[in-house]
Amino acid sequence: NVEKLGLGGMFLTEFFSSHLSDVFRKCQRLKELELFPINNIDTVVEVLCKGLKHSDCKLEVLWINGEYLKILCGHSLSFGRQIARIVKISQNLQKLYLLGNCFSDYETKLLCEE
């Protein structure tokens, strides 16, 4: 019966993240997700994309906050590319909240193109 879920910090281990896509599939009442991951960035993005593209995923609102944005900005894949990928894959996402100040003009353009 969970409609809103917040996950963050060291809690988002690789083991836990591997089960997150099951949450998207099985918890169809889940409409809003807040992510505050500070480790396993690639794993979290992969699992998020896998879950969002599943036909049973009903997630409408996604928040990505703080430290995660700082890590993405310095990560191998650009912040804009990772967020654009999430937006492109999602079937039901209506609102995306990005909190942080890691937006370059290029990354903003990438996001707007999606």
PDB file of N, CA and C in Angstrom:
ATOM      1  N   ASN A   1       0.801  -1.207   0.000  1.00  0.00           N
ATOM      2  CA  ASN A   1       0.000   0.000   0.000  1.00  0.00           C
ATOM      3  C   ASN A   1       0.843   1.270   0.000  1.00  0.00           C
ATOM      4  N   VAL A   2       2.145   1.144  -0.172  1.00  0.00           N
ATOM      5  CA  VAL A   2       3.049   2.290  -0.155  1.00  0.00           C
ATOM      6  C   VAL A   2       2.869   3.109  -1.431  1.00  0.00           C
ATOM      7  N   GLU A   3       2.658   4.424  -1.256  1.00  0.00           N
ATOM      8  CA  GLU A   3       2.513   5.310  -2.402  1.00  0.00           C
ATOM      9  C   GLU A   3       3.726   6.200  -2.601  1.00  0.00           C
ATOM     10  N   LYS A   4       4.492   6.418  -1.519  1.00  0.00           N
ATOM     11  CA  LYS A   4       5.668   7.279  -1.590  1.00  0.00           C
ATOM     12  C   LYS A   4       6.814   6.587  -0.862  1.00  0.00           C
ATOM     13  N   LEU A   5       7.991   6.564  -1.496  1.00  0.00           N
ATOM     14  CA  LEU A   5       9.141   5.871  -0.926  1.00  0.00           C
ATOM     15  C   LEU A   5      10.371   6.748  -1.070  1.00  0.00           C
ATOM     16  N   GLY A   6      11.131   6.874   0.002  1.00  0.00           N
ATOM     17  CA  GLY A   6      12.389   7.608  -0.019  1.00  0.00           C
ATOM     18  C   GLY A   6      13.523   6.676   0.367  1.00  0.00           C
ATOM     19  N   LEU A   7      14.575   6.669  -0.437  1.00  0.00           N
ATOM     20  CA  LEU A   7      15.728   5.800  -0.186  1.00  0.00           C
ATOM     21  C   LEU A   7      17.002   6.611  -0.337  1.00  0.00           C
ATOM     22  N   GLY A   8      17.957   6.366   0.556  1.00  0.00           N
ATOM     23  CA  GLY A   8      19.173   7.133   0.416  1.00  0.00           C
ATOM     24  C   GLY A   8      20.350   6.628   1.204  1.00  0.00           C
ATOM     25  N   GLY A   9      21.439   7.360   1.025  1.00  0.00           N
ATOM     26  CA  GLY A   9      22.667   7.101   1.740  1.00  0.00           C
ATOM     27  C   GLY A   9      23.291   5.759   1.427  1.00  0.00           C
ATOM     28  N   MET A  10      23.958   5.212   2.407  1.00  0.00           N
ATOM     29  CA  MET A  10      24.629   3.934   2.254  1.00  0.00           C
ATOM     30  C   MET A  10      23.616   2.794   2.186  1.00  0.00           C
ATOM     31  N   PHE A  11      22.345   3.109   2.435  1.00  0.00           N
ATOM     32  CA  PHE A  11      21.272   2.117   2.389  1.00  0.00           C
ATOM     33  C   PHE A  11      21.135   1.524   0.992  1.00  0.00           C
ATOM     34  N   LEU A  12      21.449   2.299  -0.037  1.00  0.00           N
ATOM     35  CA  LEU A  12      21.322   1.821  -1.416  1.00  0.00           C
ATOM     36  C   LEU A  12      22.557   1.021  -1.813  1.00  0.00           C
ATOM     37  N   THR A  13      22.696  -0.132  -1.224  1.00  0.00           N
ATOM     38  CA  THR A  13      23.802  -1.021  -1.562  1.00  0.00           C
ATOM     39  C   THR A  13      23.503  -1.714  -2.884  1.00  0.00           C
ATOM     40  N   GLU A  14      24.511  -2.358  -3.455  1.00  0.00           N
ATOM     41  CA  GLU A  14      24.306  -3.077  -4.712  1.00  0.00           C
ATOM     42  C   GLU A  14      23.267  -4.186  -4.534  1.00  0.00           C
ATOM     43  N   PHE A  15      23.310  -4.875  -3.392  1.00  0.00           N
ATOM     44  CA  PHE A  15      22.344  -5.941  -3.126  1.00  0.00           C
ATOM     45  C   PHE A  15      20.923  -5.383  -3.083  1.00  0.00           C
ATOM     46  N   PHE A  16      20.730  -4.308  -2.335  1.00  0.00           N
ATOM     47  CA  PHE A  16      19.399  -3.720  -2.217  1.00  0.00           C
ATOM     48  C   PHE A  16      18.924  -3.178  -3.561  1.00  0.00           C
ATOM     49  N   SER A  17      19.797  -2.499  -4.277  1.00  0.00           N
ATOM     50  CA  SER A  17      19.433  -1.916  -5.565  1.00  0.00           C
ATOM     51  C   SER A  17      18.966  -2.974  -6.548  1.00  0.00           C
ATOM     52  N   SER A  18      19.534  -4.169  -6.440  1.00  0.00           N
ATOM     53  CA  SER A  18      19.146  -5.232  -7.366  1.00  0.00           C
ATOM     54  C   SER A  18      17.684  -5.644  -7.181  1.00  0.00           C
ATOM     55  N   HIS A  19      17.094  -5.329  -6.027  1.00  0.00           N
ATOM     56  CA  HIS A  19      15.691  -5.668  -5.766  1.00  0.00           C
ATOM     57  C   HIS A  19      14.741  -4.490  -6.013  1.00  0.00           C
ATOM     58  N   LEU A  20      15.299  -3.336  -6.299  1.00  0.00           N
ATOM     59  CA  LEU A  20      14.480  -2.148  -6.478  1.00  0.00           C
ATOM     60  C   LEU A  20      13.553  -2.259  -7.686  1.00  0.00           C
ATOM     61  N   SER A  21      14.011  -2.872  -8.758  1.00  0.00           N
ATOM     62  CA  SER A  21      13.137  -3.005  -9.934  1.00  0.00           C
ATOM     63  C   SER A  21      11.928  -3.888  -9.626  1.00  0.00           C
ATOM     64  N   ASP A  22      12.083  -4.843  -8.695  1.00  0.00           N
ATOM     65  CA  ASP A  22      10.938  -5.654  -8.262  1.00  0.00           C
ATOM     66  C   ASP A  22       9.897  -4.792  -7.547  1.00  0.00           C
ATOM     67  N   VAL A  23      10.379  -3.800  -6.805  1.00  0.00           N
ATOM     68  CA  VAL A  23       9.466  -2.893  -6.106  1.00  0.00           C
ATOM     69  C   VAL A  23       8.600  -2.154  -7.123  1.00  0.00           C
ATOM     70  N   PHE A  24       9.209  -1.687  -8.213  1.00  0.00           N
ATOM     71  CA  PHE A  24       8.444  -0.982  -9.252  1.00  0.00           C
ATOM     72  C   PHE A  24       7.356  -1.880  -9.837  1.00  0.00           C
ATOM     73  N   ARG A  25       7.695  -3.125 -10.034  1.00  0.00           N
ATOM     74  CA  ARG A  25       6.776  -4.073 -10.661  1.00  0.00           C
ATOM     75  C   ARG A  25       5.652  -4.500  -9.721  1.00  0.00           C
ATOM     76  N   LYS A  26       6.012  -4.815  -8.487  1.00  0.00           N
ATOM     77  CA  LYS A  26       5.056  -5.413  -7.553  1.00  0.00           C
ATOM     78  C   LYS A  26       4.250  -4.394  -6.752  1.00  0.00           C
ATOM     79  N   CYS A  27       4.797  -3.227  -6.559  1.00  0.00           N
ATOM     80  CA  CYS A  27       4.128  -2.202  -5.752  1.00  0.00           C
ATOM     81  C   CYS A  27       3.515  -1.168  -6.692  1.00  0.00           C
ATOM     82  N   GLN A  28       2.407  -1.539  -7.290  1.00  0.00           N
ATOM     83  CA  GLN A  28       1.801  -0.691  -8.314  1.00  0.00           C
ATOM     84  C   GLN A  28       1.149   0.569  -7.755  1.00  0.00           C
ATOM     85  N   ARG A  29       1.030   0.661  -6.452  1.00  0.00           N
ATOM     86  CA  ARG A  29       0.501   1.890  -5.843  1.00  0.00           C
ATOM     87  C   ARG A  29       1.599   2.928  -5.656  1.00  0.00           C
ATOM     88  N   LEU A  30       2.859   2.519  -5.823  1.00  0.00           N
ATOM     89  CA  LEU A  30       3.977   3.446  -5.660  1.00  0.00           C
ATOM     90  C   LEU A  30       3.929   4.496  -6.763  1.00  0.00           C
ATOM     91  N   LYS A  31       3.717   5.740  -6.369  1.00  0.00           N
ATOM     92  CA  LYS A  31       3.585   6.840  -7.325  1.00  0.00           C
ATOM     93  C   LYS A  31       4.746   7.820  -7.254  1.00  0.00           C
ATOM     94  N   GLU A  32       5.447   7.830  -6.108  1.00  0.00           N
ATOM     95  CA  GLU A  32       6.492   8.834  -5.917  1.00  0.00           C
ATOM     96  C   GLU A  32       7.720   8.200  -5.274  1.00  0.00           C
ATOM     97  N   LEU A  33       8.890   8.522  -5.821  1.00  0.00           N
ATOM     98  CA  LEU A  33      10.149   7.971  -5.321  1.00  0.00           C
ATOM     99  C   LEU A  33      11.158   9.091  -5.140  1.00  0.00           C
ATOM    100  N   GLU A  34      11.781   9.133  -3.963  1.00  0.00           N
ATOM    101  CA  GLU A  34      12.860  10.072  -3.680  1.00  0.00           C
ATOM    102  C   GLU A  34      14.139   9.271  -3.526  1.00  0.00           C
ATOM    103  N   LEU A  35      15.160   9.631  -4.288  1.00  0.00           N
ATOM    104  CA  LEU A  35      16.448   8.936  -4.217  1.00  0.00           C
ATOM    105  C   LEU A  35      17.535   9.875  -3.722  1.00  0.00           C
ATOM    106  N   PHE A  36      18.314   9.386  -2.770  1.00  0.00           N
ATOM    107  CA  PHE A  36      19.445  10.104  -2.222  1.00  0.00           C
ATOM    108  C   PHE A  36      20.682   9.196  -2.221  1.00  0.00           C
ATOM    109  N   PRO A  37      20.964   8.498  -3.320  1.00  0.00           N
ATOM    110  CA  PRO A  37      22.089   7.556  -3.286  1.00  0.00           C
ATOM    111  C   PRO A  37      23.424   8.281  -3.297  1.00  0.00           C
ATOM    112  N   ILE A  38      24.393   7.729  -2.577  1.00  0.00           N
ATOM    113  CA  ILE A  38      25.733   8.304  -2.583  1.00  0.00           C
ATOM    114  C   ILE A  38      26.790   7.268  -2.960  1.00  0.00           C
ATOM    115  N   ASN A  39      26.356   6.091  -3.356  1.00  0.00           N
ATOM    116  CA  ASN A  39      27.299   5.070  -3.811  1.00  0.00           C
ATOM    117  C   ASN A  39      26.623   4.209  -4.870  1.00  0.00           C
ATOM    118  N   ASN A  40      27.390   3.365  -5.529  1.00  0.00           N
ATOM    119  CA  ASN A  40      26.857   2.446  -6.551  1.00  0.00           C
ATOM    120  C   ASN A  40      26.012   3.163  -7.603  1.00  0.00           C
ATOM    121  N   ILE A  41      26.517   4.278  -8.093  1.00  0.00           N
ATOM    122  CA  ILE A  41      25.759   5.127  -9.009  1.00  0.00           C
ATOM    123  C   ILE A  41      25.299   4.372 -10.249  1.00  0.00           C
ATOM    124  N   ASP A  42      26.214   3.657 -10.891  1.00  0.00           N
ATOM    125  CA  ASP A  42      25.836   2.930 -12.108  1.00  0.00           C
ATOM    126  C   ASP A  42      24.745   1.908 -11.830  1.00  0.00           C
ATOM    127  N   THR A  43      24.873   1.193 -10.717  1.00  0.00           N
ATOM    128  CA  THR A  43      23.884   0.177 -10.356  1.00  0.00           C
ATOM    129  C   THR A  43      22.521   0.808 -10.124  1.00  0.00           C
ATOM    130  N   VAL A  44      22.480   1.915  -9.395  1.00  0.00           N
ATOM    131  CA  VAL A  44      21.214   2.583  -9.105  1.00  0.00           C
ATOM    132  C   VAL A  44      20.556   3.059 -10.394  1.00  0.00           C
ATOM    133  N   VAL A  45      21.329   3.660 -11.301  1.00  0.00           N
ATOM    134  CA  VAL A  45      20.771   4.143 -12.571  1.00  0.00           C
ATOM    135  C   VAL A  45      20.263   2.978 -13.406  1.00  0.00           C
ATOM    136  N   GLU A  46      21.031   1.890 -13.483  1.00  0.00           N
ATOM    137  CA  GLU A  46      20.597   0.717 -14.248  1.00  0.00           C
ATOM    138  C   GLU A  46      19.284   0.155 -13.706  1.00  0.00           C
ATOM    139  N   VAL A  47      19.208   0.010 -12.382  1.00  0.00           N
ATOM    140  CA  VAL A  47      18.014  -0.551 -11.760  1.00  0.00           C
ATOM    141  C   VAL A  47      16.828   0.398 -11.933  1.00  0.00           C
ATOM    142  N   LEU A  48      17.078   1.686 -11.784  1.00  0.00           N
ATOM    143  CA  LEU A  48      16.022   2.670 -11.967  1.00  0.00           C
ATOM    144  C   LEU A  48      15.467   2.598 -13.389  1.00  0.00           C
ATOM    145  N   CYS A  49      16.341   2.536 -14.370  1.00  0.00           N
ATOM    146  CA  CYS A  49      15.907   2.440 -15.766  1.00  0.00           C
ATOM    147  C   CYS A  49      15.146   1.143 -16.023  1.00  0.00           C
ATOM    148  N   LYS A  50      15.643   0.051 -15.475  1.00  0.00           N
ATOM    149  CA  LYS A  50      14.972  -1.241 -15.651  1.00  0.00           C
ATOM    150  C   LYS A  50      13.567  -1.202 -15.053  1.00  0.00           C
ATOM    151  N   GLY A  51      13.447  -0.642 -13.869  1.00  0.00           N
ATOM    152  CA  GLY A  51      12.146  -0.561 -13.217  1.00  0.00           C
ATOM    153  C   GLY A  51      11.189   0.378 -13.923  1.00  0.00           C
ATOM    154  N   LEU A  52      11.681   1.526 -14.370  1.00  0.00           N
ATOM    155  CA  LEU A  52      10.819   2.518 -15.013  1.00  0.00           C
ATOM    156  C   LEU A  52      10.262   2.049 -16.347  1.00  0.00           C
ATOM    157  N   LYS A  53      11.013   1.225 -17.056  1.00  0.00           N
ATOM    158  CA  LYS A  53      10.510   0.794 -18.364  1.00  0.00           C
ATOM    159  C   LYS A  53       9.578  -0.418 -18.271  1.00  0.00           C
ATOM    160  N   HIS A  54       9.430  -0.977 -17.080  1.00  0.00           N
ATOM    161  CA  HIS A  54       8.530  -2.117 -16.902  1.00  0.00           C
ATOM    162  C   HIS A  54       7.083  -1.646 -17.033  1.00  0.00           C
ATOM    163  N   SER A  55       6.276  -2.392 -17.735  1.00  0.00           N
ATOM    164  CA  SER A  55       4.883  -1.991 -18.000  1.00  0.00           C
ATOM    165  C   SER A  55       4.035  -1.871 -16.731  1.00  0.00           C
ATOM    166  N   ASP A  56       4.415  -2.552 -15.661  1.00  0.00           N
ATOM    167  CA  ASP A  56       3.657  -2.472 -14.409  1.00  0.00           C
ATOM    168  C   ASP A  56       4.070  -1.303 -13.523  1.00  0.00           C
ATOM    169  N   CYS A  57       5.125  -0.601 -13.893  1.00  0.00           N
ATOM    170  CA  CYS A  57       5.598   0.533 -13.099  1.00  0.00           C
ATOM    171  C   CYS A  57       4.644   1.710 -13.266  1.00  0.00           C
ATOM    172  N   LYS A  58       4.149   2.238 -12.161  1.00  0.00           N
ATOM    173  CA  LYS A  58       3.194   3.351 -12.183  1.00  0.00           C
ATOM    174  C   LYS A  58       3.788   4.626 -11.592  1.00  0.00           C
ATOM    175  N   LEU A  59       5.108   4.671 -11.450  1.00  0.00           N
ATOM    176  CA  LEU A  59       5.774   5.822 -10.849  1.00  0.00           C
ATOM    177  C   LEU A  59       5.505   7.083 -11.665  1.00  0.00           C
ATOM    178  N   GLU A  60       5.034   8.127 -10.988  1.00  0.00           N
ATOM    179  CA  GLU A  60       4.689   9.382 -11.653  1.00  0.00           C
ATOM    180  C   GLU A  60       5.618  10.524 -11.279  1.00  0.00           C
ATOM    181  N   VAL A  61       6.209  10.451 -10.082  1.00  0.00           N
ATOM    182  CA  VAL A  61       7.039  11.541  -9.581  1.00  0.00           C
ATOM    183  C   VAL A  61       8.376  10.975  -9.113  1.00  0.00           C
ATOM    184  N   LEU A  62       9.463  11.564  -9.585  1.00  0.00           N
ATOM    185  CA  LEU A  62      10.809  11.132  -9.198  1.00  0.00           C
ATOM    186  C   LEU A  62      11.605  12.333  -8.718  1.00  0.00           C
ATOM    187  N   TRP A  63      12.161  12.209  -7.530  1.00  0.00           N
ATOM    188  CA  TRP A  63      13.044  13.219  -6.949  1.00  0.00           C
ATOM    189  C   TRP A  63      14.453  12.629  -6.914  1.00  0.00           C
ATOM    190  N   ILE A  64      15.423  13.365  -7.390  1.00  0.00           N
ATOM    191  CA  ILE A  64      16.825  12.967  -7.250  1.00  0.00           C
ATOM    192  C   ILE A  64      17.524  14.146  -6.591  1.00  0.00           C
ATOM    193  N   ASN A  65      18.106  13.881  -5.428  1.00  0.00           N
ATOM    194  CA  ASN A  65      18.551  14.965  -4.566  1.00  0.00           C
ATOM    195  C   ASN A  65      20.041  15.010  -4.248  1.00  0.00           C
ATOM    196  N   GLY A  66      20.476  16.189  -3.881  1.00  0.00           N
ATOM    197  CA  GLY A  66      21.712  16.503  -3.216  1.00  0.00           C
ATOM    198  C   GLY A  66      22.978  15.815  -3.660  1.00  0.00           C
ATOM    199  N   GLU A  67      23.510  14.984  -2.780  1.00  0.00           N
ATOM    200  CA  GLU A  67      24.796  14.348  -3.007  1.00  0.00           C
ATOM    201  C   GLU A  67      24.821  13.539  -4.293  1.00  0.00           C
ATOM    202  N   TYR A  68      23.713  12.943  -4.652  1.00  0.00           N
ATOM    203  CA  TYR A  68      23.650  12.151  -5.877  1.00  0.00           C
ATOM    204  C   TYR A  68      23.988  13.014  -7.080  1.00  0.00           C
ATOM    205  N   LEU A  69      23.446  14.215  -7.125  1.00  0.00           N
ATOM    206  CA  LEU A  69      23.734  15.096  -8.252  1.00  0.00           C
ATOM    207  C   LEU A  69      25.205  15.481  -8.280  1.00  0.00           C
ATOM    208  N   LYS A  70      25.789  15.710  -7.114  1.00  0.00           N
ATOM    209  CA  LYS A  70      27.212  16.059  -7.064  1.00  0.00           C
ATOM    210  C   LYS A  70      28.065  14.908  -7.576  1.00  0.00           C
ATOM    211  N   ILE A  71      27.700  13.683  -7.214  1.00  0.00           N
ATOM    212  CA  ILE A  71      28.450  12.513  -7.670  1.00  0.00           C
ATOM    213  C   ILE A  71      28.275  12.325  -9.167  1.00  0.00           C
ATOM    214  N   LEU A  72      27.056  12.472  -9.659  1.00  0.00           N
ATOM    215  CA  LEU A  72      26.816  12.308 -11.092  1.00  0.00           C
ATOM    216  C   LEU A  72      27.626  13.304 -11.905  1.00  0.00           C
ATOM    217  N   CYS A  73      27.774  14.510 -11.395  1.00  0.00           N
ATOM    218  CA  CYS A  73      28.490  15.539 -12.141  1.00  0.00           C
ATOM    219  C   CYS A  73      29.946  15.166 -12.363  1.00  0.00           C
ATOM    220  N   GLY A  74      30.524  14.435 -11.438  1.00  0.00           N
ATOM    221  CA  GLY A  74      31.911  14.036 -11.582  1.00  0.00           C
ATOM    222  C   GLY A  74      32.074  12.615 -12.061  1.00  0.00           C
ATOM    223  N   HIS A  75      31.001  11.976 -12.439  1.00  0.00           N
ATOM    224  CA  HIS A  75      31.024  10.564 -12.807  1.00  0.00           C
ATOM    225  C   HIS A  75      31.341  10.381 -14.277  1.00  0.00           C
ATOM    226  N   SER A  76      31.654   9.140 -14.666  1.00  0.00           N
ATOM    227  CA  SER A  76      32.061   8.847 -16.039  1.00  0.00           C
ATOM    228  C   SER A  76      30.979   9.189 -17.063  1.00  0.00           C
ATOM    229  N   LEU A  77      29.742   8.844 -16.784  1.00  0.00           N
ATOM    230  CA  LEU A  77      28.651   9.261 -17.664  1.00  0.00           C
ATOM    231  C   LEU A  77      28.173  10.619 -17.183  1.00  0.00           C
ATOM    232  N   SER A  78      27.932  11.523 -18.102  1.00  0.00           N
ATOM    233  CA  SER A  78      27.532  12.858 -17.678  1.00  0.00           C
ATOM    234  C   SER A  78      26.169  12.826 -17.006  1.00  0.00           C
ATOM    235  N   PHE A  79      25.981  13.760 -16.137  1.00  0.00           N
ATOM    236  CA  PHE A  79      24.715  13.911 -15.432  1.00  0.00           C
ATOM    237  C   PHE A  79      23.561  14.006 -16.424  1.00  0.00           C
ATOM    238  N   GLY A  80      23.711  14.844 -17.425  1.00  0.00           N
ATOM    239  CA  GLY A  80      22.654  15.042 -18.413  1.00  0.00           C
ATOM    240  C   GLY A  80      22.279  13.768 -19.137  1.00  0.00           C
ATOM    241  N   ARG A  81      23.267  12.989 -19.508  1.00  0.00           N
ATOM    242  CA  ARG A  81      22.994  11.732 -20.221  1.00  0.00           C
ATOM    243  C   ARG A  81      22.243  10.742 -19.345  1.00  0.00           C
ATOM    244  N   GLN A  82      22.644  10.638 -18.089  1.00  0.00           N
ATOM    245  CA  GLN A  82      21.969   9.689 -17.197  1.00  0.00           C
ATOM    246  C   GLN A  82      20.523  10.102 -16.941  1.00  0.00           C
ATOM    247  N   ILE A  83      20.302  11.377 -16.690  1.00  0.00           N
ATOM    248  CA  ILE A  83      18.941  11.847 -16.432  1.00  0.00           C
ATOM    249  C   ILE A  83      18.096  11.749 -17.699  1.00  0.00           C
ATOM    250  N   ALA A  84      18.672  12.097 -18.843  1.00  0.00           N
ATOM    251  CA  ALA A  84      17.945  11.986 -20.117  1.00  0.00           C
ATOM    252  C   ALA A  84      17.537  10.539 -20.374  1.00  0.00           C
ATOM    253  N   ARG A  85      18.405   9.623 -20.029  1.00  0.00           N
ATOM    254  CA  ARG A  85      18.100   8.198 -20.196  1.00  0.00           C
ATOM    255  C   ARG A  85      16.899   7.792 -19.337  1.00  0.00           C
ATOM    256  N   ILE A  86      16.878   8.264 -18.105  1.00  0.00           N
ATOM    257  CA  ILE A  86      15.769   7.963 -17.200  1.00  0.00           C
ATOM    258  C   ILE A  86      14.463   8.525 -17.757  1.00  0.00           C
ATOM    259  N   VAL A  87      14.495   9.766 -18.228  1.00  0.00           N
ATOM    260  CA  VAL A  87      13.293  10.408 -18.771  1.00  0.00           C
ATOM    261  C   VAL A  87      12.797   9.681 -20.019  1.00  0.00           C
ATOM    262  N   LYS A  88      13.718   9.289 -20.873  1.00  0.00           N
ATOM    263  CA  LYS A  88      13.360   8.623 -22.128  1.00  0.00           C
ATOM    264  C   LYS A  88      12.711   7.258 -21.880  1.00  0.00           C
ATOM    265  N   ILE A  89      13.203   6.534 -20.899  1.00  0.00           N
ATOM    266  CA  ILE A  89      12.732   5.175 -20.623  1.00  0.00           C
ATOM    267  C   ILE A  89      11.385   5.156 -19.913  1.00  0.00           C
ATOM    268  N   SER A  90      11.139   6.130 -19.061  1.00  0.00           N
ATOM    269  CA  SER A  90       9.937   6.113 -18.232  1.00  0.00           C
ATOM    270  C   SER A  90       8.662   6.234 -19.052  1.00  0.00           C
ATOM    271  N   GLN A  91       7.675   5.412 -18.705  1.00  0.00           N
ATOM    272  CA  GLN A  91       6.397   5.422 -19.412  1.00  0.00           C
ATOM    273  C   GLN A  91       5.359   6.320 -18.738  1.00  0.00           C
ATOM    274  N   ASN A  92       5.412   6.422 -17.431  1.00  0.00           N
ATOM    275  CA  ASN A  92       4.376   7.145 -16.689  1.00  0.00           C
ATOM    276  C   ASN A  92       4.882   8.371 -15.944  1.00  0.00           C
ATOM    277  N   LEU A  93       6.183   8.613 -15.974  1.00  0.00           N
ATOM    278  CA  LEU A  93       6.757   9.720 -15.216  1.00  0.00           C
ATOM    279  C   LEU A  93       6.184  11.049 -15.696  1.00  0.00           C
ATOM    280  N   GLN A  94       5.591  11.793 -14.762  1.00  0.00           N
ATOM    281  CA  GLN A  94       4.989  13.079 -15.093  1.00  0.00           C
ATOM    282  C   GLN A  94       5.789  14.243 -14.540  1.00  0.00           C
ATOM    283  N   LYS A  95       6.470  14.013 -13.406  1.00  0.00           N
ATOM    284  CA  LYS A  95       7.232  15.083 -12.772  1.00  0.00           C
ATOM    285  C   LYS A  95       8.607  14.559 -12.389  1.00  0.00           C
ATOM    286  N   LEU A  96       9.612  15.356 -12.677  1.00  0.00           N
ATOM    287  CA  LEU A  96      10.991  15.032 -12.325  1.00  0.00           C
ATOM    288  C   LEU A  96      11.569  16.227 -11.589  1.00  0.00           C
ATOM    289  N   TYR A  97      11.998  16.003 -10.359  1.00  0.00           N
ATOM    290  CA  TYR A  97      12.582  17.065  -9.552  1.00  0.00           C
ATOM    291  C   TYR A  97      14.066  16.771  -9.374  1.00  0.00           C
ATOM    292  N   LEU A  98      14.899  17.701  -9.795  1.00  0.00           N
ATOM    293  CA  LEU A  98      16.349  17.576  -9.664  1.00  0.00           C
ATOM    294  C   LEU A  98      16.829  18.699  -8.761  1.00  0.00           C
ATOM    295  N   LEU A  99      17.369  18.334  -7.617  1.00  0.00           N
ATOM    296  CA  LEU A  99      17.813  19.331  -6.655  1.00  0.00           C
ATOM    297  C   LEU A  99      19.331  19.318  -6.563  1.00  0.00           C
ATOM    298  N   GLY A 100      19.940  20.399  -6.923  1.00  0.00           N
ATOM    299  CA  GLY A 100      21.389  20.526  -6.926  1.00  0.00           C
ATOM    300  C   GLY A 100      21.776  21.546  -7.972  1.00  0.00           C
ATOM    301  N   ASN A 101      23.045  21.897  -8.031  1.00  0.00           N
ATOM    302  CA  ASN A 101      23.458  22.878  -9.022  1.00  0.00           C
ATOM    303  C   ASN A 101      24.632  22.356  -9.834  1.00  0.00           C
ATOM    304  N   CYS A 102      24.372  21.302 -10.568  1.00  0.00           N
ATOM    305  CA  CYS A 102      25.380  20.677 -11.420  1.00  0.00           C
ATOM    306  C   CYS A 102      24.965  20.719 -12.888  1.00  0.00           C
ATOM    307  N   PHE A 103      24.174  21.688 -13.255  1.00  0.00           N
ATOM    308  CA  PHE A 103      23.670  21.747 -14.618  1.00  0.00           C
ATOM    309  C   PHE A 103      24.555  22.619 -15.496  1.00  0.00           C
ATOM    310  N   SER A 104      25.165  22.019 -16.493  1.00  0.00           N
ATOM    311  CA  SER A 104      25.857  22.811 -17.503  1.00  0.00           C
ATOM    312  C   SER A 104      24.856  23.099 -18.612  1.00  0.00           C
ATOM    313  N   ASP A 105      25.185  24.024 -19.508  1.00  0.00           N
ATOM    314  CA  ASP A 105      24.289  24.313 -20.636  1.00  0.00           C
ATOM    315  C   ASP A 105      24.076  23.068 -21.483  1.00  0.00           C
ATOM    316  N   TYR A 106      25.146  22.301 -21.698  1.00  0.00           N
ATOM    317  CA  TYR A 106      25.060  21.086 -22.507  1.00  0.00           C
ATOM    318  C   TYR A 106      24.108  20.078 -21.871  1.00  0.00           C
ATOM    319  N   GLU A 107      24.235  19.888 -20.571  1.00  0.00           N
ATOM    320  CA  GLU A 107      23.393  18.915 -19.872  1.00  0.00           C
ATOM    321  C   GLU A 107      21.934  19.356 -19.843  1.00  0.00           C
ATOM    322  N   THR A 108      21.700  20.632 -19.699  1.00  0.00           N
ATOM    323  CA  THR A 108      20.337  21.153 -19.749  1.00  0.00           C
ATOM    324  C   THR A 108      19.738  20.921 -21.130  1.00  0.00           C
ATOM    325  N   LYS A 109      20.531  21.129 -22.165  1.00  0.00           N
ATOM    326  CA  LYS A 109      20.065  20.903 -23.539  1.00  0.00           C
ATOM    327  C   LYS A 109      19.716  19.426 -23.750  1.00  0.00           C
ATOM    328  N   LEU A 110      20.576  18.529 -23.282  1.00  0.00           N
ATOM    329  CA  LEU A 110      20.303  17.089 -23.393  1.00  0.00           C
ATOM    330  C   LEU A 110      18.972  16.727 -22.748  1.00  0.00           C
ATOM    331  N   LEU A 111      18.750  17.247 -21.570  1.00  0.00           N
ATOM    332  CA  LEU A 111      17.528  16.947 -20.841  1.00  0.00           C
ATOM    333  C   LEU A 111      16.307  17.502 -21.569  1.00  0.00           C
ATOM    334  N   CYS A 112      16.401  18.703 -22.079  1.00  0.00           N
ATOM    335  CA  CYS A 112      15.273  19.328 -22.781  1.00  0.00           C
ATOM    336  C   CYS A 112      14.939  18.608 -24.083  1.00  0.00           C
ATOM    337  N   GLU A 113      15.922  18.003 -24.712  1.00  0.00           N
ATOM    338  CA  GLU A 113      15.684  17.281 -25.958  1.00  0.00           C
ATOM    339  C   GLU A 113      14.865  16.020 -25.731  1.00  0.00           C
ATOM    340  N   GLU A 114      14.898  15.473 -24.533  1.00  0.00           N
ATOM    341  CA  GLU A 114      14.120  14.270 -24.224  1.00  0.00           C
ATOM    342  C   GLU A 114      12.705  14.665 -23.899  1.00  0.00           C
TER     343      GLU A 114
END
